[in-house]
């Protein structure tokens, strides 16, 4: 049986919908259980999906429950994710974002910025989906990536170098998108979305004790197809995300020459439903449905299908994470 590394990238609410649908499409095509992965790395939206997979709760109902309309789903997600917070944090932003950003212009300018929402709501959304599992940490190798403001570095929760935290807190920290969510505080340290360093962090797989046979990357914000009619910033996000992902894949190939890597990104028709606002709760169900349809064609490509058949074998422990 192949040893598989699963990388789940950032992409907001619609990115989480895309990843859930992509994993379901792959499972339906191959009977492979993503929870059998040797390692799972999740960033931002991908951390939410990683928790869903490791809990053994991934199913066709992972996004929408059987008795819910699209509006019901959007209202439930919106009420969980967008939890208002008290104003504040200007001093922290000046210290960790504004001043460093002036000295060296770039994304650091917005790090630590005041924001209207508390990312803890995302952790509560996860807890609502997977129950008490969110209050511990998976037994199987799972990494959730955030960015620490004080140390100005990525932090890979679930590794020896990172603080021990509950999964729900790690997911909240990893998903604290600047300008939307305030930095998430854990033991006096402040964290923002791991996507400010990279949307995928696939290179962290190289810490595995042995080379993996297959790396599956699902990256909602690293598309290599040009978005039709997209906003200018959508193309920028894709180019930056794809450049980081390509560099990470090259590192994997250099370290593990025999490892096969497959990156799955949204097609143009799925992108149209996911944009222009990846944090849109209303777009989650349409993106999920469209992804299920589009993945059938993507997975059927001979070079993709042959790779999946070599590595993704049916697994017999769908509740491994529980």
C-alpha atoms as a PDB file:
ATOM      1  CA  UNK A   1       0.000   0.000   0.000  1.00  0.00           C
ATOM      2  CA  UNK A   2       1.349   3.424  -0.931  1.00  0.00           C
ATOM      3  CA  UNK A   3       2.202   5.953   1.758  1.00  0.00           C
ATOM      4  CA  UNK A   4       0.234   9.087   0.932  1.00  0.00           C
ATOM      5  CA  UNK A   5       0.729  12.683   2.001  1.00  0.00           C
ATOM      6  CA  UNK A   6      -2.368  14.870   1.754  1.00  0.00           C
ATOM      7  CA  UNK A   7      -1.959  18.649   1.522  1.00  0.00           C
ATOM      8  CA  UNK A   8      -5.045  20.854   1.899  1.00  0.00           C
ATOM      9  CA  UNK A   9      -4.505  24.507   1.026  1.00  0.00           C
ATOM     10  CA  UNK A  10      -6.190  27.735   2.000  1.00  0.00           C
ATOM     11  CA  UNK A  11      -9.110  29.289   0.173  1.00  0.00           C
ATOM     12  CA  UNK A  12     -11.773  30.604   2.534  1.00  0.00           C
ATOM     13  CA  UNK A  13     -15.256  29.150   2.898  1.00  0.00           C
ATOM     14  CA  UNK A  14     -15.544  28.320  -0.796  1.00  0.00           C
ATOM     15  CA  UNK A  15     -12.078  26.742  -0.653  1.00  0.00           C
ATOM     16  CA  UNK A  16     -13.228  24.442   2.142  1.00  0.00           C
ATOM     17  CA  UNK A  17     -16.277  23.504   0.049  1.00  0.00           C
ATOM     18  CA  UNK A  18     -14.004  22.793  -2.914  1.00  0.00           C
ATOM     19  CA  UNK A  19     -11.728  20.539  -0.877  1.00  0.00           C
ATOM     20  CA  UNK A  20     -14.558  18.622   0.744  1.00  0.00           C
ATOM     21  CA  UNK A  21     -16.105  17.989  -2.675  1.00  0.00           C
ATOM     22  CA  UNK A  22     -12.767  17.063  -4.255  1.00  0.00           C
ATOM     23  CA  UNK A  23     -12.056  14.512  -1.533  1.00  0.00           C
ATOM     24  CA  UNK A  24     -15.556  13.077  -1.852  1.00  0.00           C
ATOM     25  CA  UNK A  25     -15.148  12.817  -5.635  1.00  0.00           C
ATOM     26  CA  UNK A  26     -11.847  10.976  -5.229  1.00  0.00           C
ATOM     27  CA  UNK A  27     -13.343   8.688  -2.596  1.00  0.00           C
ATOM     28  CA  UNK A  28     -16.332   7.852  -4.797  1.00  0.00           C
ATOM     29  CA  UNK A  29     -14.042   7.133  -7.753  1.00  0.00           C
ATOM     30  CA  UNK A  30     -11.444   5.019  -5.925  1.00  0.00           C
ATOM     31  CA  UNK A  31     -12.990   4.006  -2.560  1.00  0.00           C
ATOM     32  CA  UNK A  32      -9.870   5.472  -0.944  1.00  0.00           C
ATOM     33  CA  UNK A  33     -10.355   6.945   2.519  1.00  0.00           C
ATOM     34  CA  UNK A  34      -8.385  10.209   2.899  1.00  0.00           C
ATOM     35  CA  UNK A  35      -8.077   9.471   6.609  1.00  0.00           C
ATOM     36  CA  UNK A  36      -5.645   6.669   5.726  1.00  0.00           C
ATOM     37  CA  UNK A  37      -3.089   9.302   4.674  1.00  0.00           C
ATOM     38  CA  UNK A  38       0.275   8.978   6.365  1.00  0.00           C
ATOM     39  CA  UNK A  39       0.395  12.750   6.909  1.00  0.00           C
ATOM     40  CA  UNK A  40      -2.179  15.515   6.447  1.00  0.00           C
ATOM     41  CA  UNK A  41      -1.173  19.177   6.268  1.00  0.00           C
ATOM     42  CA  UNK A  42      -3.887  21.807   6.453  1.00  0.00           C
ATOM     43  CA  UNK A  43      -3.635  25.564   6.047  1.00  0.00           C
ATOM     44  CA  UNK A  44      -6.493  27.984   6.729  1.00  0.00           C
ATOM     45  CA  UNK A  45      -9.589  26.463   5.076  1.00  0.00           C
ATOM     46  CA  UNK A  46      -7.549  23.303   4.604  1.00  0.00           C
ATOM     47  CA  UNK A  47      -7.086  23.004   8.358  1.00  0.00           C
ATOM     48  CA  UNK A  48     -10.871  22.823   8.796  1.00  0.00           C
ATOM     49  CA  UNK A  49     -11.035  20.088   6.160  1.00  0.00           C
ATOM     50  CA  UNK A  50      -8.065  18.275   7.725  1.00  0.00           C
ATOM     51  CA  UNK A  51      -9.934  18.147  11.025  1.00  0.00           C
ATOM     52  CA  UNK A  52     -13.039  16.830   9.281  1.00  0.00           C
ATOM     53  CA  UNK A  53     -11.022  14.084   7.582  1.00  0.00           C
ATOM     54  CA  UNK A  54      -9.088  13.035  10.696  1.00  0.00           C
ATOM     55  CA  UNK A  55     -12.289  12.850  12.730  1.00  0.00           C
ATOM     56  CA  UNK A  56     -13.643  10.254  10.315  1.00  0.00           C
ATOM     57  CA  UNK A  57     -16.608  12.533   9.558  1.00  0.00           C
ATOM     58  CA  UNK A  58     -15.953  13.196   5.866  1.00  0.00           C
ATOM     59  CA  UNK A  59     -19.104  12.399   3.913  1.00  0.00           C
ATOM     60  CA  UNK A  60     -21.392  13.790   1.248  1.00  0.00           C
ATOM     61  CA  UNK A  61     -23.146  15.616   4.107  1.00  0.00           C
ATOM     62  CA  UNK A  62     -19.991  17.275   5.420  1.00  0.00           C
ATOM     63  CA  UNK A  63     -21.043  20.686   4.141  1.00  0.00           C
ATOM     64  CA  UNK A  64     -24.833  20.509   3.909  1.00  0.00           C
ATOM     65  CA  UNK A  65     -27.016  18.415   6.162  1.00  0.00           C
ATOM     66  CA  UNK A  66     -29.758  16.362   4.588  1.00  0.00           C
ATOM     67  CA  UNK A  67     -32.619  18.587   5.762  1.00  0.00           C
ATOM     68  CA  UNK A  68     -31.033  21.946   4.873  1.00  0.00           C
ATOM     69  CA  UNK A  69     -31.637  24.268   1.941  1.00  0.00           C
ATOM     70  CA  UNK A  70     -28.779  26.275   0.416  1.00  0.00           C
ATOM     71  CA  UNK A  71     -29.921  29.260   2.432  1.00  0.00           C
ATOM     72  CA  UNK A  72     -29.957  27.199   5.619  1.00  0.00           C
ATOM     73  CA  UNK A  73     -26.369  26.100   4.997  1.00  0.00           C
ATOM     74  CA  UNK A  74     -25.212  29.638   4.265  1.00  0.00           C
ATOM     75  CA  UNK A  75     -26.961  31.009   7.365  1.00  0.00           C
ATOM     76  CA  UNK A  76     -25.469  28.309   9.605  1.00  0.00           C
ATOM     77  CA  UNK A  77     -21.931  28.829   8.320  1.00  0.00           C
ATOM     78  CA  UNK A  78     -22.247  32.614   8.372  1.00  0.00           C
ATOM     79  CA  UNK A  79     -23.531  32.704  11.951  1.00  0.00           C
ATOM     80  CA  UNK A  80     -20.682  30.444  13.110  1.00  0.00           C
ATOM     81  CA  UNK A  81     -17.796  32.014  11.220  1.00  0.00           C
ATOM     82  CA  UNK A  82     -18.623  35.708  11.501  1.00  0.00           C
ATOM     83  CA  UNK A  83     -18.578  36.201  15.248  1.00  0.00           C
ATOM     84  CA  UNK A  84     -18.270  39.869  16.206  1.00  0.00           C
ATOM     85  CA  UNK A  85     -15.510  40.973  18.546  1.00  0.00           C
ATOM     86  CA  UNK A  86     -14.824  44.100  20.550  1.00  0.00           C
ATOM     87  CA  UNK A  87     -12.790  46.795  18.801  1.00  0.00           C
ATOM     88  CA  UNK A  88      -9.100  46.907  19.637  1.00  0.00           C
ATOM     89  CA  UNK A  89      -5.668  45.715  18.612  1.00  0.00           C
ATOM     90  CA  UNK A  90      -4.405  48.973  17.084  1.00  0.00           C
ATOM     91  CA  UNK A  91      -1.222  48.951  19.170  1.00  0.00           C
ATOM     92  CA  UNK A  92      -0.474  45.350  18.152  1.00  0.00           C
ATOM     93  CA  UNK A  93      -1.022  46.208  14.490  1.00  0.00           C
ATOM     94  CA  UNK A  94       1.328  49.191  14.685  1.00  0.00           C
ATOM     95  CA  UNK A  95       4.030  47.050  16.273  1.00  0.00           C
ATOM     96  CA  UNK A  96       3.727  43.886  14.204  1.00  0.00           C
ATOM     97  CA  UNK A  97       2.229  45.117  10.933  1.00  0.00           C
ATOM     98  CA  UNK A  98       2.330  48.815  10.210  1.00  0.00           C
ATOM     99  CA  UNK A  99       5.891  49.629  11.278  1.00  0.00           C
ATOM    100  CA  UNK A 100       7.509  46.532   9.687  1.00  0.00           C
ATOM    101  CA  UNK A 101       5.324  47.081   6.610  1.00  0.00           C
ATOM    102  CA  UNK A 102       6.577  50.617   6.141  1.00  0.00           C
ATOM    103  CA  UNK A 103      10.183  49.468   6.437  1.00  0.00           C
ATOM    104  CA  UNK A 104       9.632  46.582   4.053  1.00  0.00           C
ATOM    105  CA  UNK A 105       6.420  46.971   2.022  1.00  0.00           C
ATOM    106  CA  UNK A 106       4.430  43.814   1.454  1.00  0.00           C
ATOM    107  CA  UNK A 107       1.832  41.614   3.075  1.00  0.00           C
ATOM    108  CA  UNK A 108       3.307  42.338   6.519  1.00  0.00           C
ATOM    109  CA  UNK A 109       1.568  45.729   6.405  1.00  0.00           C
ATOM    110  CA  UNK A 110      -1.780  44.117   7.233  1.00  0.00           C
ATOM    111  CA  UNK A 111      -0.533  41.586   9.797  1.00  0.00           C
ATOM    112  CA  UNK A 112      -2.132  42.149  13.167  1.00  0.00           C
ATOM    113  CA  UNK A 113      -4.540  44.721  11.760  1.00  0.00           C
ATOM    114  CA  UNK A 114      -7.768  45.448  13.651  1.00  0.00           C
ATOM    115  CA  UNK A 115     -10.667  43.419  12.307  1.00  0.00           C
ATOM    116  CA  UNK A 116     -14.380  43.044  13.057  1.00  0.00           C
ATOM    117  CA  UNK A 117     -14.525  39.284  13.641  1.00  0.00           C
ATOM    118  CA  UNK A 118     -13.130  36.688  16.049  1.00  0.00           C
ATOM    119  CA  UNK A 119     -11.608  33.623  14.363  1.00  0.00           C
ATOM    120  CA  UNK A 120     -12.721  31.517  17.319  1.00  0.00           C
ATOM    121  CA  UNK A 121     -16.026  31.146  15.510  1.00  0.00           C
ATOM    122  CA  UNK A 122     -14.270  28.983  12.912  1.00  0.00           C
ATOM    123  CA  UNK A 123     -13.111  26.619  15.640  1.00  0.00           C
ATOM    124  CA  UNK A 124     -16.681  26.484  16.918  1.00  0.00           C
ATOM    125  CA  UNK A 125     -17.889  25.637  13.408  1.00  0.00           C
ATOM    126  CA  UNK A 126     -15.424  22.741  13.370  1.00  0.00           C
ATOM    127  CA  UNK A 127     -16.576  21.587  16.811  1.00  0.00           C
ATOM    128  CA  UNK A 128     -20.184  21.706  15.647  1.00  0.00           C
ATOM    129  CA  UNK A 129     -19.231  19.424  12.747  1.00  0.00           C
ATOM    130  CA  UNK A 130     -16.958  16.885  14.459  1.00  0.00           C
ATOM    131  CA  UNK A 131     -17.838  17.122  18.149  1.00  0.00           C
ATOM    132  CA  UNK A 132     -15.399  16.407  20.987  1.00  0.00           C
ATOM    133  CA  UNK A 133     -12.691  15.355  18.509  1.00  0.00           C
ATOM    134  CA  UNK A 134     -11.998  19.069  18.016  1.00  0.00           C
ATOM    135  CA  UNK A 135     -11.002  19.384  21.664  1.00  0.00           C
ATOM    136  CA  UNK A 136      -7.971  17.096  21.314  1.00  0.00           C
ATOM    137  CA  UNK A 137      -5.463  16.272  18.609  1.00  0.00           C
ATOM    138  CA  UNK A 138      -5.560  13.429  16.047  1.00  0.00           C
ATOM    139  CA  UNK A 139      -3.459  10.353  16.819  1.00  0.00           C
ATOM    140  CA  UNK A 140      -2.300  10.179  13.211  1.00  0.00           C
ATOM    141  CA  UNK A 141       0.180  12.697  11.854  1.00  0.00           C
ATOM    142  CA  UNK A 142      -1.664  15.974  11.294  1.00  0.00           C
ATOM    143  CA  UNK A 143      -0.179  19.443  10.829  1.00  0.00           C
ATOM    144  CA  UNK A 144      -2.064  22.746  10.960  1.00  0.00           C
ATOM    145  CA  UNK A 145      -0.113  25.814   9.835  1.00  0.00           C
ATOM    146  CA  UNK A 146      -0.495  29.347  11.187  1.00  0.00           C
ATOM    147  CA  UNK A 147       1.738  32.416  11.245  1.00  0.00           C
ATOM    148  CA  UNK A 148       2.939  33.846  14.570  1.00  0.00           C
ATOM    149  CA  UNK A 149       3.146  37.631  14.730  1.00  0.00           C
ATOM    150  CA  UNK A 150       5.670  37.934  17.562  1.00  0.00           C
ATOM    151  CA  UNK A 151       8.246  35.566  16.047  1.00  0.00           C
ATOM    152  CA  UNK A 152       7.320  36.426  12.445  1.00  0.00           C
ATOM    153  CA  UNK A 153       7.405  32.764  11.433  1.00  0.00           C
ATOM    154  CA  UNK A 154       5.113  29.974  10.404  1.00  0.00           C
ATOM    155  CA  UNK A 155       4.093  27.615  13.174  1.00  0.00           C
ATOM    156  CA  UNK A 156       3.226  24.022  12.344  1.00  0.00           C
ATOM    157  CA  UNK A 157       0.861  22.866  15.086  1.00  0.00           C
ATOM    158  CA  UNK A 158       1.083  19.111  15.510  1.00  0.00           C
ATOM    159  CA  UNK A 159       4.893  19.071  15.308  1.00  0.00           C
ATOM    160  CA  UNK A 160       7.448  18.974  18.127  1.00  0.00           C
ATOM    161  CA  UNK A 161       8.463  22.603  17.592  1.00  0.00           C
ATOM    162  CA  UNK A 162       4.947  23.975  18.101  1.00  0.00           C
ATOM    163  CA  UNK A 163       2.872  24.504  21.255  1.00  0.00           C
ATOM    164  CA  UNK A 164       0.401  21.781  22.207  1.00  0.00           C
ATOM    165  CA  UNK A 165      -3.091  23.093  21.507  1.00  0.00           C
ATOM    166  CA  UNK A 166      -6.531  21.708  20.825  1.00  0.00           C
ATOM    167  CA  UNK A 167      -7.402  21.153  17.183  1.00  0.00           C
ATOM    168  CA  UNK A 168     -10.171  23.764  17.263  1.00  0.00           C
ATOM    169  CA  UNK A 169      -7.738  26.424  18.465  1.00  0.00           C
ATOM    170  CA  UNK A 170      -5.136  25.524  15.841  1.00  0.00           C
ATOM    171  CA  UNK A 171      -7.793  25.761  13.124  1.00  0.00           C
ATOM    172  CA  UNK A 172      -8.923  29.161  14.410  1.00  0.00           C
ATOM    173  CA  UNK A 173      -5.334  30.424  14.417  1.00  0.00           C
ATOM    174  CA  UNK A 174      -4.641  29.035  10.946  1.00  0.00           C
ATOM    175  CA  UNK A 175      -7.803  30.644   9.560  1.00  0.00           C
ATOM    176  CA  UNK A 176      -7.495  34.166  10.996  1.00  0.00           C
ATOM    177  CA  UNK A 177      -7.498  36.014   7.670  1.00  0.00           C
ATOM    178  CA  UNK A 178      -6.021  39.520   8.165  1.00  0.00           C
ATOM    179  CA  UNK A 179      -8.462  42.445   7.896  1.00  0.00           C
ATOM    180  CA  UNK A 180     -11.404  40.056   8.404  1.00  0.00           C
ATOM    181  CA  UNK A 181     -10.400  38.286  11.611  1.00  0.00           C
ATOM    182  CA  UNK A 182      -8.330  39.628  14.471  1.00  0.00           C
ATOM    183  CA  UNK A 183      -5.129  37.720  15.285  1.00  0.00           C
ATOM    184  CA  UNK A 184      -5.967  34.643  17.346  1.00  0.00           C
ATOM    185  CA  UNK A 185      -4.363  34.548  20.771  1.00  0.00           C
ATOM    186  CA  UNK A 186      -2.955  31.357  22.297  1.00  0.00           C
ATOM    187  CA  UNK A 187      -0.902  31.487  25.510  1.00  0.00           C
ATOM    188  CA  UNK A 188      -0.013  35.115  24.967  1.00  0.00           C
ATOM    189  CA  UNK A 189       1.101  34.658  21.351  1.00  0.00           C
ATOM    190  CA  UNK A 190      -0.860  35.954  18.374  1.00  0.00           C
ATOM    191  CA  UNK A 191      -1.450  34.048  15.156  1.00  0.00           C
ATOM    192  CA  UNK A 192      -2.883  34.858  11.736  1.00  0.00           C
ATOM    193  CA  UNK A 193      -3.763  32.837   8.658  1.00  0.00           C
ATOM    194  CA  UNK A 194      -0.983  30.441   7.658  1.00  0.00           C
ATOM    195  CA  UNK A 195      -1.648  31.461   4.064  1.00  0.00           C
ATOM    196  CA  UNK A 196       0.337  34.687   4.514  1.00  0.00           C
ATOM    197  CA  UNK A 197       3.487  32.536   4.270  1.00  0.00           C
ATOM    198  CA  UNK A 198       2.181  29.950   1.768  1.00  0.00           C
ATOM    199  CA  UNK A 199      -1.208  28.669   0.756  1.00  0.00           C
ATOM    200  CA  UNK A 200      -0.094  25.042   0.981  1.00  0.00           C
ATOM    201  CA  UNK A 201       3.161  24.426   2.933  1.00  0.00           C
ATOM    202  CA  UNK A 202       3.647  21.122   1.103  1.00  0.00           C
ATOM    203  CA  UNK A 203       7.370  21.215   1.929  1.00  0.00           C
ATOM    204  CA  UNK A 204       6.523  20.289   5.526  1.00  0.00           C
ATOM    205  CA  UNK A 205       5.922  16.744   4.286  1.00  0.00           C
ATOM    206  CA  UNK A 206       9.691  16.390   4.017  1.00  0.00           C
ATOM    207  CA  UNK A 207       9.833  16.087   7.815  1.00  0.00           C
ATOM    208  CA  UNK A 208       8.285  12.627   7.493  1.00  0.00           C
ATOM    209  CA  UNK A 209      10.610   9.846   8.649  1.00  0.00           C
ATOM    210  CA  UNK A 210      10.514   8.109   5.272  1.00  0.00           C
ATOM    211  CA  UNK A 211       9.787   9.266   1.728  1.00  0.00           C
ATOM    212  CA  UNK A 212       6.144   9.144   0.750  1.00  0.00           C
ATOM    213  CA  UNK A 213       5.037   7.303  -2.367  1.00  0.00           C
ATOM    214  CA  UNK A 214       2.380   9.801  -3.394  1.00  0.00           C
ATOM    215  CA  UNK A 215       1.573  13.406  -2.514  1.00  0.00           C
ATOM    216  CA  UNK A 216      -1.948  14.661  -3.221  1.00  0.00           C
ATOM    217  CA  UNK A 217      -2.337  18.438  -3.040  1.00  0.00           C
ATOM    218  CA  UNK A 218      -5.683  20.192  -3.209  1.00  0.00           C
ATOM    219  CA  UNK A 219      -5.077  23.918  -3.626  1.00  0.00           C
ATOM    220  CA  UNK A 220      -8.148  26.142  -4.147  1.00  0.00           C
ATOM    221  CA  UNK A 221      -6.068  29.299  -4.605  1.00  0.00           C
ATOM    222  CA  UNK A 222      -3.282  28.067  -6.872  1.00  0.00           C
ATOM    223  CA  UNK A 223      -5.149  27.581 -10.137  1.00  0.00           C
ATOM    224  CA  UNK A 224      -3.110  27.486 -13.328  1.00  0.00           C
ATOM    225  CA  UNK A 225      -6.111  28.338 -15.514  1.00  0.00           C
ATOM    226  CA  UNK A 226      -6.895  32.024 -16.042  1.00  0.00           C
ATOM    227  CA  UNK A 227     -10.117  33.080 -14.370  1.00  0.00           C
ATOM    228  CA  UNK A 228     -12.647  34.361 -16.885  1.00  0.00           C
ATOM    229  CA  UNK A 229     -13.906  37.800 -15.902  1.00  0.00           C
ATOM    230  CA  UNK A 230     -12.276  37.573 -12.482  1.00  0.00           C
ATOM    231  CA  UNK A 231     -11.240  40.550 -10.399  1.00  0.00           C
ATOM    232  CA  UNK A 232      -7.597  41.596 -10.752  1.00  0.00           C
ATOM    233  CA  UNK A 233      -6.719  40.414  -7.250  1.00  0.00           C
ATOM    234  CA  UNK A 234      -8.020  36.902  -7.952  1.00  0.00           C
ATOM    235  CA  UNK A 235      -5.373  36.438 -10.641  1.00  0.00           C
ATOM    236  CA  UNK A 236      -2.715  37.776  -8.287  1.00  0.00           C
ATOM    237  CA  UNK A 237      -3.712  35.318  -5.569  1.00  0.00           C
ATOM    238  CA  UNK A 238      -3.575  32.456  -8.059  1.00  0.00           C
ATOM    239  CA  UNK A 239      -0.147  33.434  -9.399  1.00  0.00           C
ATOM    240  CA  UNK A 240       1.344  33.879  -5.933  1.00  0.00           C
ATOM    241  CA  UNK A 241      -0.222  30.656  -4.687  1.00  0.00           C
ATOM    242  CA  UNK A 242       0.883  28.698  -7.735  1.00  0.00           C
ATOM    243  CA  UNK A 243       4.453  30.032  -7.556  1.00  0.00           C
ATOM    244  CA  UNK A 244       4.743  28.969  -3.907  1.00  0.00           C
ATOM    245  CA  UNK A 245       3.214  25.572  -4.659  1.00  0.00           C
ATOM    246  CA  UNK A 246       5.511  24.971  -7.643  1.00  0.00           C
ATOM    247  CA  UNK A 247       8.541  25.754  -5.471  1.00  0.00           C
ATOM    248  CA  UNK A 248       7.325  23.329  -2.803  1.00  0.00           C
ATOM    249  CA  UNK A 249       6.712  20.575  -5.353  1.00  0.00           C
ATOM    250  CA  UNK A 250      10.215  21.096  -6.719  1.00  0.00           C
ATOM    251  CA  UNK A 251      11.613  20.672  -3.196  1.00  0.00           C
ATOM    252  CA  UNK A 252       9.707  17.395  -2.835  1.00  0.00           C
ATOM    253  CA  UNK A 253      10.993  16.103  -6.181  1.00  0.00           C
ATOM    254  CA  UNK A 254      14.568  17.012  -5.266  1.00  0.00           C
ATOM    255  CA  UNK A 255      14.407  15.290  -1.885  1.00  0.00           C
ATOM    256  CA  UNK A 256      12.264  12.323  -2.961  1.00  0.00           C
ATOM    257  CA  UNK A 257      12.879  11.699  -6.692  1.00  0.00           C
ATOM    258  CA  UNK A 258      10.560   8.691  -6.913  1.00  0.00           C
ATOM    259  CA  UNK A 259       7.587  10.348  -5.186  1.00  0.00           C
ATOM    260  CA  UNK A 260       4.662  11.125  -7.480  1.00  0.00           C
ATOM    261  CA  UNK A 261       2.851  14.415  -6.908  1.00  0.00           C
ATOM    262  CA  UNK A 262      -0.618  15.410  -8.073  1.00  0.00           C
ATOM    263  CA  UNK A 263      -1.930  18.947  -7.547  1.00  0.00           C
ATOM    264  CA  UNK A 264      -5.658  19.516  -7.987  1.00  0.00           C
ATOM    265  CA  UNK A 265      -6.880  23.083  -8.490  1.00  0.00           C
ATOM    266  CA  UNK A 266     -10.237  24.578  -9.497  1.00  0.00           C
ATOM    267  CA  UNK A 267     -11.319  24.605 -13.124  1.00  0.00           C
ATOM    268  CA  UNK A 268     -12.529  27.835 -14.690  1.00  0.00           C
ATOM    269  CA  UNK A 269     -16.210  26.998 -14.169  1.00  0.00           C
ATOM    270  CA  UNK A 270     -15.639  26.252 -10.485  1.00  0.00           C
ATOM    271  CA  UNK A 271     -13.587  29.425 -10.077  1.00  0.00           C
ATOM    272  CA  UNK A 272     -16.526  31.418 -11.380  1.00  0.00           C
ATOM    273  CA  UNK A 273     -18.663  30.163  -8.495  1.00  0.00           C
ATOM    274  CA  UNK A 274     -15.930  30.510  -5.861  1.00  0.00           C
ATOM    275  CA  UNK A 275     -15.097  34.147  -6.654  1.00  0.00           C
ATOM    276  CA  UNK A 276     -14.848  37.003  -6.195  1.00  0.00           C
ATOM    277  CA  UNK A 277     -15.244  36.551  -2.425  1.00  0.00           C
ATOM    278  CA  UNK A 278     -13.813  33.283  -1.068  1.00  0.00           C
ATOM    279  CA  UNK A 279     -15.372  34.054   2.323  1.00  0.00           C
ATOM    280  CA  UNK A 280     -18.910  33.998   0.904  1.00  0.00           C
ATOM    281  CA  UNK A 281     -21.055  31.512   2.800  1.00  0.00           C
ATOM    282  CA  UNK A 282     -23.724  31.745   0.091  1.00  0.00           C
ATOM    283  CA  UNK A 283     -21.308  30.379  -2.530  1.00  0.00           C
ATOM    284  CA  UNK A 284     -20.331  27.299  -0.523  1.00  0.00           C
ATOM    285  CA  UNK A 285     -23.024  24.881  -1.722  1.00  0.00           C
ATOM    286  CA  UNK A 286     -22.886  25.930  -5.407  1.00  0.00           C
ATOM    287  CA  UNK A 287     -19.082  25.547  -5.347  1.00  0.00           C
ATOM    288  CA  UNK A 288     -19.393  22.126  -3.687  1.00  0.00           C
ATOM    289  CA  UNK A 289     -21.883  20.843  -6.281  1.00  0.00           C
ATOM    290  CA  UNK A 290     -19.941  22.232  -9.246  1.00  0.00           C
ATOM    291  CA  UNK A 291     -16.713  20.726  -7.927  1.00  0.00           C
ATOM    292  CA  UNK A 292     -18.244  17.255  -7.706  1.00  0.00           C
ATOM    293  CA  UNK A 293     -19.247  17.531 -11.361  1.00  0.00           C
ATOM    294  CA  UNK A 294     -15.968  18.989 -12.620  1.00  0.00           C
ATOM    295  CA  UNK A 295     -13.756  16.504 -10.756  1.00  0.00           C
ATOM    296  CA  UNK A 296     -15.294  13.601 -12.678  1.00  0.00           C
ATOM    297  CA  UNK A 297     -13.679  14.900 -15.870  1.00  0.00           C
ATOM    298  CA  UNK A 298     -10.396  15.862 -14.196  1.00  0.00           C
ATOM    299  CA  UNK A 299      -9.978  12.461 -12.529  1.00  0.00           C
ATOM    300  CA  UNK A 300     -10.838  10.657 -15.767  1.00  0.00           C
ATOM    301  CA  UNK A 301      -7.791  12.034 -17.579  1.00  0.00           C
ATOM    302  CA  UNK A 302      -5.581   8.989 -18.296  1.00  0.00           C
ATOM    303  CA  UNK A 303      -2.448  10.393 -16.651  1.00  0.00           C
ATOM    304  CA  UNK A 304      -4.403  11.342 -13.517  1.00  0.00           C
ATOM    305  CA  UNK A 305      -6.465   8.164 -13.283  1.00  0.00           C
ATOM    306  CA  UNK A 306      -3.425   5.927 -13.718  1.00  0.00           C
ATOM    307  CA  UNK A 307      -1.640   7.758 -10.913  1.00  0.00           C
ATOM    308  CA  UNK A 308      -4.637   7.427  -8.612  1.00  0.00           C
ATOM    309  CA  UNK A 309      -4.913   3.714  -9.372  1.00  0.00           C
ATOM    310  CA  UNK A 310      -1.244   3.204  -8.505  1.00  0.00           C
ATOM    311  CA  UNK A 311      -1.559   4.761  -5.078  1.00  0.00           C
ATOM    312  CA  UNK A 312      -5.110   5.193  -3.809  1.00  0.00           C
ATOM    313  CA  UNK A 313      -6.367   1.770  -2.874  1.00  0.00           C
ATOM    314  CA  UNK A 314      -9.660   1.081  -1.090  1.00  0.00           C
ATOM    315  CA  UNK A 315      -9.314   1.306   2.690  1.00  0.00           C
ATOM    316  CA  UNK A 316     -11.306  -0.550   5.293  1.00  0.00           C
ATOM    317  CA  UNK A 317     -11.206   1.839   8.272  1.00  0.00           C
ATOM    318  CA  UNK A 318     -13.465   4.811   7.513  1.00  0.00           C
ATOM    319  CA  UNK A 319     -13.669   5.658  11.234  1.00  0.00           C
ATOM    320  CA  UNK A 320      -9.935   5.666  11.879  1.00  0.00           C
ATOM    321  CA  UNK A 321      -9.965   9.195  13.270  1.00  0.00           C
ATOM    322  CA  UNK A 322     -12.676   8.645  15.885  1.00  0.00           C
END
